[in-house]
N, C-alpha and C. Protein backbone atom coordinates (compact mmCIF):
# COMPACT_ATOMS: atom_id res chain seq x y z
N MET A 1 -23.17 58.31 -39.05
CA MET A 1 -22.66 58.78 -37.76
C MET A 1 -22.14 57.59 -36.98
N VAL A 2 -20.95 57.75 -36.45
CA VAL A 2 -20.32 56.66 -35.70
C VAL A 2 -20.61 56.84 -34.23
N THR A 3 -21.12 55.77 -33.61
CA THR A 3 -21.41 55.80 -32.17
C THR A 3 -20.28 55.14 -31.41
N GLN A 4 -19.69 55.81 -30.44
CA GLN A 4 -18.60 55.26 -29.65
C GLN A 4 -19.17 54.52 -28.44
N THR A 5 -18.75 53.29 -28.30
CA THR A 5 -19.21 52.47 -27.17
C THR A 5 -18.19 52.54 -26.05
N ASP A 6 -18.68 52.79 -24.85
CA ASP A 6 -17.77 52.86 -23.71
C ASP A 6 -17.18 51.48 -23.44
N GLU A 7 -15.87 51.43 -23.23
CA GLU A 7 -15.20 50.18 -22.90
C GLU A 7 -15.14 50.02 -21.38
N VAL A 8 -15.48 48.81 -20.93
CA VAL A 8 -15.44 48.52 -19.50
C VAL A 8 -14.22 47.68 -19.21
N GLU A 9 -13.37 48.17 -18.36
CA GLU A 9 -12.15 47.45 -18.01
C GLU A 9 -12.49 46.41 -16.93
N VAL A 10 -12.10 45.15 -17.20
CA VAL A 10 -12.36 44.08 -16.23
C VAL A 10 -11.15 43.98 -15.31
N THR A 11 -11.35 44.33 -14.06
CA THR A 11 -10.24 44.31 -13.11
C THR A 11 -10.33 43.14 -12.14
N GLY A 12 -11.48 42.49 -12.07
CA GLY A 12 -11.64 41.38 -11.13
C GLY A 12 -11.47 40.04 -11.82
N THR A 13 -11.97 39.02 -11.19
CA THR A 13 -11.88 37.67 -11.74
C THR A 13 -13.08 37.39 -12.61
N ASP A 14 -12.93 36.42 -13.52
CA ASP A 14 -14.05 36.02 -14.37
C ASP A 14 -15.05 35.17 -13.60
N ASP A 15 -14.62 34.67 -12.43
CA ASP A 15 -15.49 33.82 -11.62
C ASP A 15 -16.28 34.73 -10.67
N PHE A 16 -17.59 34.90 -10.96
CA PHE A 16 -18.40 35.81 -10.15
C PHE A 16 -18.67 35.25 -8.76
N PHE A 17 -18.39 33.95 -8.56
CA PHE A 17 -18.65 33.33 -7.25
C PHE A 17 -17.36 33.04 -6.50
N ASP A 18 -16.29 33.68 -6.92
CA ASP A 18 -15.01 33.46 -6.27
C ASP A 18 -15.07 33.95 -4.82
N THR A 19 -14.54 33.13 -3.92
CA THR A 19 -14.52 33.48 -2.50
C THR A 19 -13.12 33.26 -1.97
N PRO A 20 -12.80 33.87 -0.85
CA PRO A 20 -11.45 33.67 -0.28
C PRO A 20 -11.22 32.20 0.02
N ALA A 21 -10.01 31.72 -0.26
CA ALA A 21 -9.68 30.30 -0.06
C ALA A 21 -9.05 30.10 1.31
N ILE A 22 -9.28 28.91 1.86
CA ILE A 22 -8.65 28.53 3.11
C ILE A 22 -7.86 27.26 2.85
N GLU A 23 -6.69 27.18 3.39
CA GLU A 23 -5.81 26.05 3.12
C GLU A 23 -6.37 24.77 3.73
N VAL A 24 -6.31 23.68 2.96
CA VAL A 24 -6.75 22.38 3.45
C VAL A 24 -5.67 21.84 4.39
N PRO A 25 -6.02 21.53 5.63
CA PRO A 25 -5.01 21.04 6.57
C PRO A 25 -4.54 19.63 6.19
N LYS A 26 -3.30 19.33 6.48
CA LYS A 26 -2.78 18.00 6.24
C LYS A 26 -3.39 17.03 7.25
N THR A 27 -3.57 15.80 6.82
CA THR A 27 -4.09 14.76 7.70
C THR A 27 -2.91 14.07 8.38
N PRO A 28 -2.84 14.13 9.70
CA PRO A 28 -1.67 13.55 10.39
C PRO A 28 -1.62 12.04 10.21
N PRO A 29 -0.44 11.46 10.06
CA PRO A 29 -0.31 10.01 9.93
C PRO A 29 -0.73 9.31 11.22
N ASP A 30 -1.22 8.09 11.10
CA ASP A 30 -1.63 7.36 12.29
C ASP A 30 -1.17 5.91 12.25
N ALA A 31 -1.29 5.25 13.39
CA ALA A 31 -0.89 3.85 13.53
C ALA A 31 -1.99 3.11 14.27
N HIS A 32 -2.26 1.89 13.85
CA HIS A 32 -3.31 1.07 14.46
C HIS A 32 -2.81 -0.34 14.72
N ARG A 33 -3.18 -0.89 15.86
CA ARG A 33 -3.04 -2.33 16.06
C ARG A 33 -4.12 -2.99 15.23
N ALA A 34 -3.78 -4.07 14.56
CA ALA A 34 -4.73 -4.64 13.60
C ALA A 34 -4.53 -6.15 13.47
N THR A 35 -5.47 -6.76 12.74
CA THR A 35 -5.39 -8.18 12.40
C THR A 35 -5.51 -8.33 10.89
N ILE A 36 -4.66 -9.17 10.32
CA ILE A 36 -4.77 -9.48 8.90
C ILE A 36 -5.92 -10.46 8.70
N THR A 37 -6.88 -10.09 7.88
CA THR A 37 -8.07 -10.94 7.67
C THR A 37 -7.99 -11.79 6.41
N ALA A 38 -7.20 -11.36 5.43
CA ALA A 38 -7.09 -12.12 4.18
C ALA A 38 -6.00 -11.53 3.31
N VAL A 39 -5.49 -12.37 2.42
CA VAL A 39 -4.58 -11.92 1.37
C VAL A 39 -5.17 -12.39 0.05
N THR A 40 -5.50 -11.44 -0.82
CA THR A 40 -6.18 -11.77 -2.07
C THR A 40 -5.48 -11.11 -3.25
N LEU A 41 -5.93 -11.50 -4.44
CA LEU A 41 -5.38 -10.95 -5.67
C LEU A 41 -6.46 -10.20 -6.42
N LYS A 42 -6.13 -9.00 -6.89
CA LYS A 42 -7.06 -8.27 -7.74
C LYS A 42 -6.30 -7.74 -8.96
N ARG A 43 -7.06 -7.49 -10.02
CA ARG A 43 -6.46 -6.94 -11.22
C ARG A 43 -7.15 -5.63 -11.56
N LEU A 44 -6.36 -4.61 -11.78
CA LEU A 44 -6.91 -3.30 -12.08
C LEU A 44 -7.49 -3.28 -13.48
N ASN A 45 -8.49 -2.46 -13.66
CA ASN A 45 -9.15 -2.35 -14.96
C ASN A 45 -8.40 -1.34 -15.82
N ASN A 46 -7.18 -1.74 -16.21
CA ASN A 46 -6.39 -0.89 -17.10
C ASN A 46 -5.84 -1.73 -18.24
N ASP A 47 -5.10 -1.10 -19.14
CA ASP A 47 -4.61 -1.81 -20.33
C ASP A 47 -3.72 -2.99 -19.96
N LYS A 48 -2.94 -2.85 -18.89
CA LYS A 48 -2.01 -3.91 -18.51
C LYS A 48 -2.63 -4.94 -17.56
N GLU A 49 -3.88 -4.67 -17.11
CA GLU A 49 -4.53 -5.53 -16.11
C GLU A 49 -3.56 -5.77 -14.94
N THR A 50 -3.04 -4.68 -14.42
CA THR A 50 -2.04 -4.73 -13.36
C THR A 50 -2.53 -5.57 -12.19
N ALA A 51 -1.67 -6.50 -11.74
CA ALA A 51 -2.01 -7.37 -10.61
C ALA A 51 -1.57 -6.71 -9.31
N VAL A 52 -2.43 -6.82 -8.30
CA VAL A 52 -2.15 -6.24 -7.00
C VAL A 52 -2.44 -7.28 -5.92
N ILE A 53 -1.47 -7.52 -5.04
CA ILE A 53 -1.69 -8.37 -3.88
C ILE A 53 -2.28 -7.49 -2.78
N VAL A 54 -3.46 -7.86 -2.30
CA VAL A 54 -4.18 -7.05 -1.32
C VAL A 54 -4.14 -7.74 0.04
N VAL A 55 -3.47 -7.08 0.99
CA VAL A 55 -3.42 -7.59 2.37
C VAL A 55 -4.49 -6.85 3.16
N SER A 56 -5.60 -7.52 3.43
CA SER A 56 -6.74 -6.87 4.10
C SER A 56 -6.51 -6.82 5.61
N LEU A 57 -6.89 -5.68 6.19
CA LEU A 57 -6.63 -5.42 7.61
C LEU A 57 -7.88 -4.86 8.28
N VAL A 58 -8.06 -5.21 9.54
CA VAL A 58 -9.10 -4.58 10.35
C VAL A 58 -8.44 -4.07 11.63
N SER A 59 -8.70 -2.83 11.97
CA SER A 59 -8.11 -2.22 13.16
C SER A 59 -8.71 -2.84 14.42
N ARG A 60 -7.85 -3.14 15.38
CA ARG A 60 -8.33 -3.62 16.69
C ARG A 60 -8.60 -2.45 17.62
N ASP A 61 -8.14 -1.26 17.24
CA ASP A 61 -8.40 -0.06 18.04
C ASP A 61 -9.68 0.63 17.61
N VAL A 62 -9.97 0.57 16.32
CA VAL A 62 -11.21 1.14 15.76
C VAL A 62 -11.83 0.04 14.90
N PRO A 63 -12.62 -0.86 15.50
CA PRO A 63 -13.10 -2.06 14.80
C PRO A 63 -13.89 -1.78 13.52
N THR A 64 -14.39 -0.58 13.36
CA THR A 64 -15.12 -0.25 12.13
C THR A 64 -14.19 0.11 10.98
N LEU A 65 -12.91 0.23 11.26
CA LEU A 65 -11.94 0.62 10.24
C LEU A 65 -11.36 -0.62 9.56
N GLU A 66 -11.73 -0.81 8.30
CA GLU A 66 -11.18 -1.87 7.48
C GLU A 66 -10.40 -1.23 6.34
N THR A 67 -9.20 -1.71 6.10
CA THR A 67 -8.35 -1.11 5.08
C THR A 67 -7.46 -2.19 4.49
N SER A 68 -6.47 -1.80 3.69
CA SER A 68 -5.59 -2.81 3.10
C SER A 68 -4.25 -2.21 2.73
N LEU A 69 -3.27 -3.09 2.63
CA LEU A 69 -1.96 -2.75 2.09
C LEU A 69 -1.88 -3.37 0.70
N ASP A 70 -1.61 -2.56 -0.31
CA ASP A 70 -1.56 -3.04 -1.69
C ASP A 70 -0.12 -3.19 -2.17
N VAL A 71 0.20 -4.36 -2.71
CA VAL A 71 1.53 -4.62 -3.24
C VAL A 71 1.39 -4.87 -4.74
N PHE A 72 1.99 -4.00 -5.54
CA PHE A 72 1.88 -4.12 -6.99
C PHE A 72 2.87 -5.17 -7.51
N VAL A 73 2.38 -5.99 -8.42
CA VAL A 73 3.15 -7.14 -8.92
C VAL A 73 3.75 -6.82 -10.28
N PRO A 74 5.09 -6.94 -10.44
CA PRO A 74 5.71 -6.73 -11.75
C PRO A 74 5.20 -7.76 -12.76
N LYS A 75 4.81 -7.31 -13.93
CA LYS A 75 4.20 -8.17 -14.94
C LYS A 75 5.12 -9.31 -15.37
N VAL A 76 6.39 -8.99 -15.64
CA VAL A 76 7.31 -10.01 -16.12
C VAL A 76 7.57 -11.07 -15.06
N TRP A 77 7.62 -10.68 -13.80
CA TRP A 77 7.81 -11.68 -12.73
C TRP A 77 6.61 -12.61 -12.67
N GLU A 78 5.39 -12.06 -12.79
CA GLU A 78 4.21 -12.92 -12.77
C GLU A 78 4.28 -13.95 -13.89
N GLU A 79 4.75 -13.54 -15.06
CA GLU A 79 4.81 -14.45 -16.20
C GLU A 79 5.85 -15.55 -16.01
N ASN A 80 6.79 -15.34 -15.07
CA ASN A 80 7.87 -16.31 -14.85
C ASN A 80 7.88 -16.87 -13.44
N ILE A 81 6.78 -16.74 -12.72
CA ILE A 81 6.77 -17.13 -11.32
C ILE A 81 7.05 -18.62 -11.12
N GLY A 82 6.74 -19.44 -12.11
CA GLY A 82 6.99 -20.87 -12.00
C GLY A 82 8.46 -21.23 -11.94
N LEU A 83 9.35 -20.29 -12.29
CA LEU A 83 10.78 -20.55 -12.25
C LEU A 83 11.33 -20.52 -10.83
N GLY A 84 10.55 -19.98 -9.90
CA GLY A 84 10.99 -19.92 -8.51
C GLY A 84 12.29 -19.16 -8.36
N GLY A 85 13.25 -19.75 -7.60
CA GLY A 85 14.53 -19.10 -7.34
C GLY A 85 15.41 -19.00 -8.56
N ALA A 86 15.05 -19.69 -9.64
CA ALA A 86 15.86 -19.63 -10.86
C ALA A 86 15.59 -18.36 -11.67
N PHE A 87 14.56 -17.63 -11.30
CA PHE A 87 14.25 -16.40 -12.03
C PHE A 87 15.24 -15.31 -11.64
N ASP A 88 15.78 -14.61 -12.63
CA ASP A 88 16.74 -13.53 -12.40
C ASP A 88 16.00 -12.20 -12.42
N ALA A 89 15.78 -11.64 -11.23
CA ALA A 89 15.02 -10.39 -11.12
C ALA A 89 15.73 -9.23 -11.80
N ALA A 90 17.04 -9.37 -12.03
CA ALA A 90 17.79 -8.30 -12.70
C ALA A 90 17.38 -8.14 -14.16
N THR A 91 16.66 -9.13 -14.69
CA THR A 91 16.20 -9.04 -16.08
C THR A 91 14.89 -8.27 -16.20
N LEU A 92 14.30 -7.89 -15.10
CA LEU A 92 13.06 -7.12 -15.14
C LEU A 92 13.30 -5.76 -15.78
N PRO A 93 12.33 -5.25 -16.53
CA PRO A 93 12.48 -3.93 -17.14
C PRO A 93 12.65 -2.85 -16.07
N GLU A 94 13.46 -1.86 -16.38
CA GLU A 94 13.65 -0.73 -15.47
C GLU A 94 13.86 0.52 -16.31
N GLU A 95 12.77 1.10 -16.75
CA GLU A 95 12.83 2.28 -17.60
C GLU A 95 11.71 3.23 -17.21
N GLU A 96 11.77 4.43 -17.69
CA GLU A 96 10.77 5.44 -17.34
C GLU A 96 9.37 4.92 -17.67
N GLY A 97 8.51 4.92 -16.67
CA GLY A 97 7.14 4.46 -16.86
C GLY A 97 6.97 2.96 -16.75
N ASN A 98 8.05 2.22 -16.51
CA ASN A 98 7.96 0.76 -16.42
C ASN A 98 9.07 0.23 -15.51
N LYS A 99 9.07 0.69 -14.27
CA LYS A 99 10.14 0.35 -13.34
C LYS A 99 9.79 -0.93 -12.56
N GLN A 100 9.87 -2.06 -13.27
CA GLN A 100 9.49 -3.32 -12.65
C GLN A 100 10.55 -3.82 -11.66
N GLN A 101 11.82 -3.49 -11.88
CA GLN A 101 12.84 -3.87 -10.91
C GLN A 101 12.60 -3.19 -9.57
N THR A 102 12.29 -1.90 -9.61
CA THR A 102 12.01 -1.15 -8.39
C THR A 102 10.80 -1.72 -7.68
N SER A 103 9.75 -2.02 -8.44
CA SER A 103 8.53 -2.59 -7.88
C SER A 103 8.82 -3.93 -7.21
N TYR A 104 9.61 -4.78 -7.86
CA TYR A 104 9.97 -6.08 -7.31
C TYR A 104 10.80 -5.92 -6.04
N ARG A 105 11.80 -5.05 -6.08
CA ARG A 105 12.69 -4.85 -4.95
C ARG A 105 11.94 -4.35 -3.72
N MET A 106 10.96 -3.48 -3.92
CA MET A 106 10.22 -2.91 -2.79
C MET A 106 9.11 -3.84 -2.30
N GLY A 107 8.47 -4.56 -3.23
CA GLY A 107 7.29 -5.32 -2.83
C GLY A 107 7.49 -6.80 -2.66
N ILE A 108 8.33 -7.43 -3.52
CA ILE A 108 8.42 -8.89 -3.54
C ILE A 108 9.68 -9.43 -2.88
N GLY A 109 10.85 -9.00 -3.32
CA GLY A 109 12.06 -9.55 -2.74
C GLY A 109 13.30 -8.73 -3.03
N ASN A 110 14.22 -8.70 -2.06
CA ASN A 110 15.53 -8.08 -2.27
C ASN A 110 16.55 -8.78 -1.37
N SER A 111 17.82 -8.51 -1.60
CA SER A 111 18.90 -9.21 -0.91
C SER A 111 18.93 -8.93 0.59
N GLU A 112 18.37 -7.80 1.02
CA GLU A 112 18.35 -7.47 2.44
C GLU A 112 17.10 -7.97 3.14
N ARG A 113 16.21 -8.60 2.37
CA ARG A 113 14.97 -9.18 2.88
C ARG A 113 14.09 -8.13 3.56
N THR A 114 14.03 -6.95 2.94
CA THR A 114 13.21 -5.86 3.48
C THR A 114 12.01 -5.56 2.60
N ALA A 115 11.80 -6.32 1.52
CA ALA A 115 10.62 -6.12 0.68
C ALA A 115 9.37 -6.46 1.48
N THR A 116 8.25 -5.88 1.09
CA THR A 116 7.02 -6.03 1.86
C THR A 116 6.65 -7.49 2.10
N MET A 117 6.65 -8.31 1.07
CA MET A 117 6.24 -9.70 1.23
C MET A 117 7.25 -10.48 2.08
N GLN A 118 8.51 -10.16 1.98
CA GLN A 118 9.52 -10.81 2.82
C GLN A 118 9.32 -10.46 4.29
N ARG A 119 9.00 -9.21 4.57
CA ARG A 119 8.80 -8.80 5.96
C ARG A 119 7.52 -9.43 6.54
N LEU A 120 6.48 -9.54 5.70
CA LEU A 120 5.25 -10.19 6.15
C LEU A 120 5.50 -11.66 6.47
N TYR A 121 6.33 -12.31 5.65
CA TYR A 121 6.67 -13.71 5.91
C TYR A 121 7.36 -13.84 7.27
N LYS A 122 8.31 -12.95 7.55
CA LYS A 122 9.03 -13.00 8.84
C LYS A 122 8.08 -12.75 10.00
N ILE A 123 7.15 -11.81 9.84
CA ILE A 123 6.18 -11.54 10.90
C ILE A 123 5.39 -12.80 11.22
N ALA A 124 4.96 -13.52 10.17
CA ALA A 124 4.19 -14.75 10.37
C ALA A 124 5.02 -15.83 11.04
N ARG A 125 6.27 -15.98 10.61
CA ARG A 125 7.13 -17.00 11.21
C ARG A 125 7.42 -16.68 12.67
N ASP A 126 7.66 -15.39 12.98
CA ASP A 126 7.89 -14.99 14.36
C ASP A 126 6.65 -15.21 15.23
N ALA A 127 5.48 -15.20 14.59
CA ALA A 127 4.23 -15.42 15.32
C ALA A 127 3.92 -16.92 15.49
N GLY A 128 4.82 -17.76 14.98
CA GLY A 128 4.66 -19.20 15.17
C GLY A 128 4.01 -19.95 14.01
N LYS A 129 3.76 -19.26 12.88
CA LYS A 129 3.17 -19.94 11.74
C LYS A 129 4.23 -20.83 11.05
N ASP A 130 3.86 -22.08 10.75
CA ASP A 130 4.77 -23.04 10.13
C ASP A 130 4.26 -23.37 8.73
N PRO A 131 5.01 -23.01 7.67
CA PRO A 131 4.56 -23.27 6.31
C PRO A 131 4.28 -24.75 6.03
N ILE A 132 5.07 -25.65 6.64
CA ILE A 132 4.88 -27.09 6.42
C ILE A 132 3.57 -27.55 7.04
N GLU A 133 3.32 -27.13 8.29
CA GLU A 133 2.07 -27.51 8.95
C GLU A 133 0.85 -26.96 8.22
N LEU A 134 1.02 -25.80 7.60
CA LEU A 134 -0.09 -25.18 6.87
C LEU A 134 -0.29 -25.78 5.49
N GLY A 135 0.64 -26.64 5.07
CA GLY A 135 0.51 -27.28 3.76
C GLY A 135 0.69 -26.33 2.60
N LEU A 136 1.60 -25.37 2.74
CA LEU A 136 1.80 -24.41 1.65
C LEU A 136 2.47 -25.06 0.44
N ASP A 137 2.15 -24.54 -0.72
CA ASP A 137 2.72 -25.01 -1.98
C ASP A 137 4.17 -24.55 -2.04
N ARG A 138 5.12 -25.49 -2.04
CA ARG A 138 6.54 -25.14 -2.01
C ARG A 138 6.98 -24.41 -3.29
N LYS A 139 6.41 -24.79 -4.41
CA LYS A 139 6.80 -24.20 -5.69
C LYS A 139 5.57 -23.74 -6.46
N PRO A 140 4.97 -22.64 -6.05
CA PRO A 140 3.76 -22.16 -6.75
C PRO A 140 4.05 -21.88 -8.22
N GLN A 141 3.16 -22.33 -9.08
CA GLN A 141 3.34 -22.18 -10.52
C GLN A 141 2.56 -21.00 -11.09
N SER A 142 1.87 -20.29 -10.23
CA SER A 142 1.07 -19.15 -10.69
C SER A 142 1.01 -18.11 -9.59
N LEU A 143 0.66 -16.90 -9.98
CA LEU A 143 0.51 -15.84 -8.98
C LEU A 143 -0.63 -16.17 -8.03
N GLU A 144 -1.68 -16.80 -8.55
CA GLU A 144 -2.82 -17.18 -7.70
C GLU A 144 -2.38 -18.12 -6.59
N ALA A 145 -1.52 -19.10 -6.92
CA ALA A 145 -1.04 -20.05 -5.92
C ALA A 145 -0.11 -19.36 -4.92
N TYR A 146 0.72 -18.43 -5.40
CA TYR A 146 1.61 -17.66 -4.54
C TYR A 146 0.80 -16.87 -3.52
N VAL A 147 -0.26 -16.21 -3.99
CA VAL A 147 -1.10 -15.40 -3.10
C VAL A 147 -1.84 -16.29 -2.10
N GLU A 148 -2.30 -17.45 -2.53
CA GLU A 148 -3.00 -18.35 -1.63
C GLU A 148 -2.06 -18.84 -0.52
N ASN A 149 -0.79 -19.05 -0.83
CA ASN A 149 0.19 -19.39 0.20
C ASN A 149 0.19 -18.33 1.30
N TYR A 150 0.25 -17.06 0.87
CA TYR A 150 0.29 -15.97 1.84
C TYR A 150 -1.04 -15.82 2.58
N ASN A 151 -2.12 -16.13 1.91
CA ASN A 151 -3.42 -16.06 2.57
C ASN A 151 -3.46 -17.04 3.74
N LYS A 152 -2.99 -18.26 3.52
CA LYS A 152 -2.96 -19.26 4.59
C LYS A 152 -1.98 -18.87 5.69
N LEU A 153 -0.86 -18.28 5.28
CA LEU A 153 0.19 -17.94 6.23
C LEU A 153 -0.16 -16.76 7.13
N LEU A 154 -0.84 -15.75 6.56
CA LEU A 154 -1.02 -14.49 7.28
C LEU A 154 -2.38 -14.30 7.94
N GLN A 155 -3.37 -15.08 7.55
CA GLN A 155 -4.71 -14.91 8.15
C GLN A 155 -4.65 -15.02 9.67
N GLY A 156 -5.23 -14.02 10.33
CA GLY A 156 -5.32 -14.04 11.78
C GLY A 156 -4.12 -13.49 12.51
N ILE A 157 -3.07 -13.08 11.78
CA ILE A 157 -1.87 -12.54 12.42
C ILE A 157 -2.13 -11.12 12.90
N ASP A 158 -1.75 -10.83 14.14
CA ASP A 158 -1.85 -9.47 14.68
C ASP A 158 -0.63 -8.66 14.26
N VAL A 159 -0.87 -7.44 13.81
CA VAL A 159 0.19 -6.56 13.32
C VAL A 159 -0.11 -5.13 13.74
N ILE A 160 0.71 -4.21 13.27
CA ILE A 160 0.46 -2.77 13.39
C ILE A 160 0.58 -2.20 11.98
N PHE A 161 -0.41 -1.42 11.56
CA PHE A 161 -0.27 -0.77 10.25
C PHE A 161 -0.10 0.73 10.43
N LEU A 162 0.67 1.31 9.51
CA LEU A 162 0.95 2.74 9.51
C LEU A 162 0.30 3.38 8.29
N ARG A 163 -0.38 4.50 8.50
CA ARG A 163 -1.03 5.21 7.40
C ARG A 163 -0.47 6.62 7.28
N ARG A 164 -0.27 7.03 6.03
CA ARG A 164 0.12 8.40 5.72
C ARG A 164 -0.73 8.89 4.57
N GLU A 165 -0.66 10.19 4.31
CA GLU A 165 -1.45 10.76 3.22
C GLU A 165 -1.13 10.09 1.89
N ARG A 166 -2.17 9.92 1.08
CA ARG A 166 -2.01 9.29 -0.22
C ARG A 166 -1.14 10.14 -1.14
N GLY A 167 -1.31 11.47 -1.09
CA GLY A 167 -0.55 12.36 -1.97
C GLY A 167 -1.05 12.27 -3.41
N GLY A 168 -0.22 12.68 -4.34
CA GLY A 168 -0.60 12.64 -5.75
C GLY A 168 -1.18 13.95 -6.23
N ASP A 169 -1.59 13.96 -7.48
CA ASP A 169 -2.05 15.20 -8.12
C ASP A 169 -3.55 15.44 -7.96
N ASP A 170 -4.29 14.43 -7.53
CA ASP A 170 -5.74 14.59 -7.41
C ASP A 170 -6.09 15.11 -6.01
N PRO A 171 -6.50 16.38 -5.92
CA PRO A 171 -6.77 16.97 -4.60
C PRO A 171 -7.91 16.27 -3.86
N ALA A 172 -8.77 15.57 -4.60
CA ALA A 172 -9.90 14.90 -3.94
C ALA A 172 -9.43 13.74 -3.07
N PHE A 173 -8.24 13.20 -3.37
CA PHE A 173 -7.75 12.04 -2.63
C PHE A 173 -6.41 12.27 -1.93
N SER A 174 -5.75 13.37 -2.24
CA SER A 174 -4.38 13.56 -1.77
C SER A 174 -4.23 13.54 -0.26
N HIS A 175 -5.25 13.97 0.47
CA HIS A 175 -5.15 14.02 1.93
C HIS A 175 -5.76 12.79 2.61
N GLN A 176 -6.24 11.84 1.84
CA GLN A 176 -6.76 10.61 2.43
C GLN A 176 -5.60 9.76 2.95
N LEU A 177 -5.82 9.09 4.06
CA LEU A 177 -4.79 8.23 4.62
C LEU A 177 -4.76 6.88 3.90
N GLN A 178 -3.56 6.39 3.67
CA GLN A 178 -3.35 5.13 2.96
C GLN A 178 -2.33 4.30 3.74
N VAL A 179 -2.57 2.99 3.83
CA VAL A 179 -1.62 2.12 4.52
C VAL A 179 -0.32 2.08 3.73
N ARG A 180 0.77 2.41 4.40
CA ARG A 180 2.06 2.44 3.74
C ARG A 180 3.00 1.35 4.25
N ASP A 181 2.70 0.80 5.44
CA ASP A 181 3.60 -0.21 6.00
C ASP A 181 2.85 -1.05 7.02
N VAL A 182 3.32 -2.29 7.19
CA VAL A 182 2.78 -3.19 8.21
C VAL A 182 3.95 -3.71 9.03
N LEU A 183 3.83 -3.62 10.35
CA LEU A 183 4.90 -4.01 11.26
C LEU A 183 4.44 -5.13 12.18
N SER A 184 5.40 -5.74 12.84
CA SER A 184 5.09 -6.74 13.85
C SER A 184 4.29 -6.10 14.99
N ALA A 185 3.39 -6.87 15.59
CA ALA A 185 2.58 -6.35 16.68
C ALA A 185 3.41 -5.99 17.90
N THR A 186 4.63 -6.51 18.00
CA THR A 186 5.48 -6.25 19.16
C THR A 186 6.23 -4.92 19.06
N GLU A 187 6.17 -4.28 17.90
CA GLU A 187 6.94 -3.06 17.68
C GLU A 187 6.57 -1.94 18.65
N ALA A 188 5.31 -1.89 19.07
CA ALA A 188 4.87 -0.81 19.96
C ALA A 188 5.64 -0.86 21.28
N GLU A 189 5.99 -2.08 21.75
CA GLU A 189 6.73 -2.21 23.00
C GLU A 189 8.24 -2.20 22.79
N THR A 190 8.70 -2.86 21.73
CA THR A 190 10.14 -3.00 21.54
C THR A 190 10.80 -1.80 20.86
N ASN A 191 10.02 -1.03 20.11
CA ASN A 191 10.59 0.09 19.37
C ASN A 191 9.63 1.29 19.36
N PRO A 192 9.31 1.82 20.55
CA PRO A 192 8.32 2.91 20.61
C PRO A 192 8.73 4.16 19.84
N LYS A 193 10.02 4.39 19.65
CA LYS A 193 10.47 5.57 18.91
C LYS A 193 9.99 5.52 17.46
N ARG A 194 9.70 4.33 16.98
CA ARG A 194 9.24 4.17 15.60
C ARG A 194 7.95 4.92 15.34
N PHE A 195 7.20 5.23 16.40
CA PHE A 195 5.86 5.81 16.25
C PHE A 195 5.79 7.27 16.69
N ARG A 196 6.94 7.91 16.84
CA ARG A 196 6.94 9.29 17.32
C ARG A 196 6.18 10.24 16.43
N LYS A 197 6.18 10.00 15.14
CA LYS A 197 5.52 10.92 14.19
C LYS A 197 4.09 10.49 13.86
N TYR A 198 3.58 9.49 14.57
CA TYR A 198 2.24 8.97 14.28
C TYR A 198 1.29 9.17 15.45
N GLN A 199 0.02 9.37 15.13
CA GLN A 199 -1.02 9.34 16.14
C GLN A 199 -1.38 7.88 16.37
N CYS A 200 -1.05 7.37 17.54
CA CYS A 200 -1.26 5.95 17.83
C CYS A 200 -2.68 5.74 18.36
N ALA A 201 -3.47 5.00 17.62
CA ALA A 201 -4.88 4.82 17.98
C ALA A 201 -5.03 4.13 19.31
N TRP A 202 -4.10 3.27 19.71
CA TRP A 202 -4.23 2.56 20.99
C TRP A 202 -3.99 3.48 22.18
N GLN A 203 -3.40 4.64 21.96
CA GLN A 203 -3.21 5.59 23.05
C GLN A 203 -4.41 6.49 23.26
N GLU A 204 -5.38 6.38 22.35
CA GLU A 204 -6.57 7.22 22.42
C GLU A 204 -7.73 6.47 23.06
N GLN A 205 -7.48 5.21 23.47
CA GLN A 205 -8.56 4.40 24.04
C GLN A 205 -8.89 4.86 25.46
């Protein structure tokens, strides 16, 4: 004798603990008056041991807030840093997954002098820092020496940093604020329109 088993149609979700979702709000970008405390070098724990120049910052508006601006260093440039101005940045690799020219242009140097390290140098010079008086190495032969030059040049400089959402595919970090730019401390007075889209921490005091 054949026994027929009743079939149960599953119309709901397989997750018995499913609950209605609420959208995660975006974190508004903000701006802080800050002081550069150090410029250091770190290497990521990956296959390429990627080098990162870390510009450490402490907010003068929220003294408990310590953060940093990270500048990624193109591998081929690091290997040829001793060539100084004789190095041809156009020879850097620029292919999918290895865009070292783009990294160099944005972080280290470009013809318009708008790369991150170039702008930081100008901020220091405008603040009265003199490379000769500081005894900087004119022709650094290593990335370590290059970073130490900037450490001496930028320590103690007052600036403004801008933070925006980190983004990316990892939802655990995508809404965290990350330093995306560092500006001269005078920008708040000379170019207030620059901060229209930011919550300015100094206005909340």
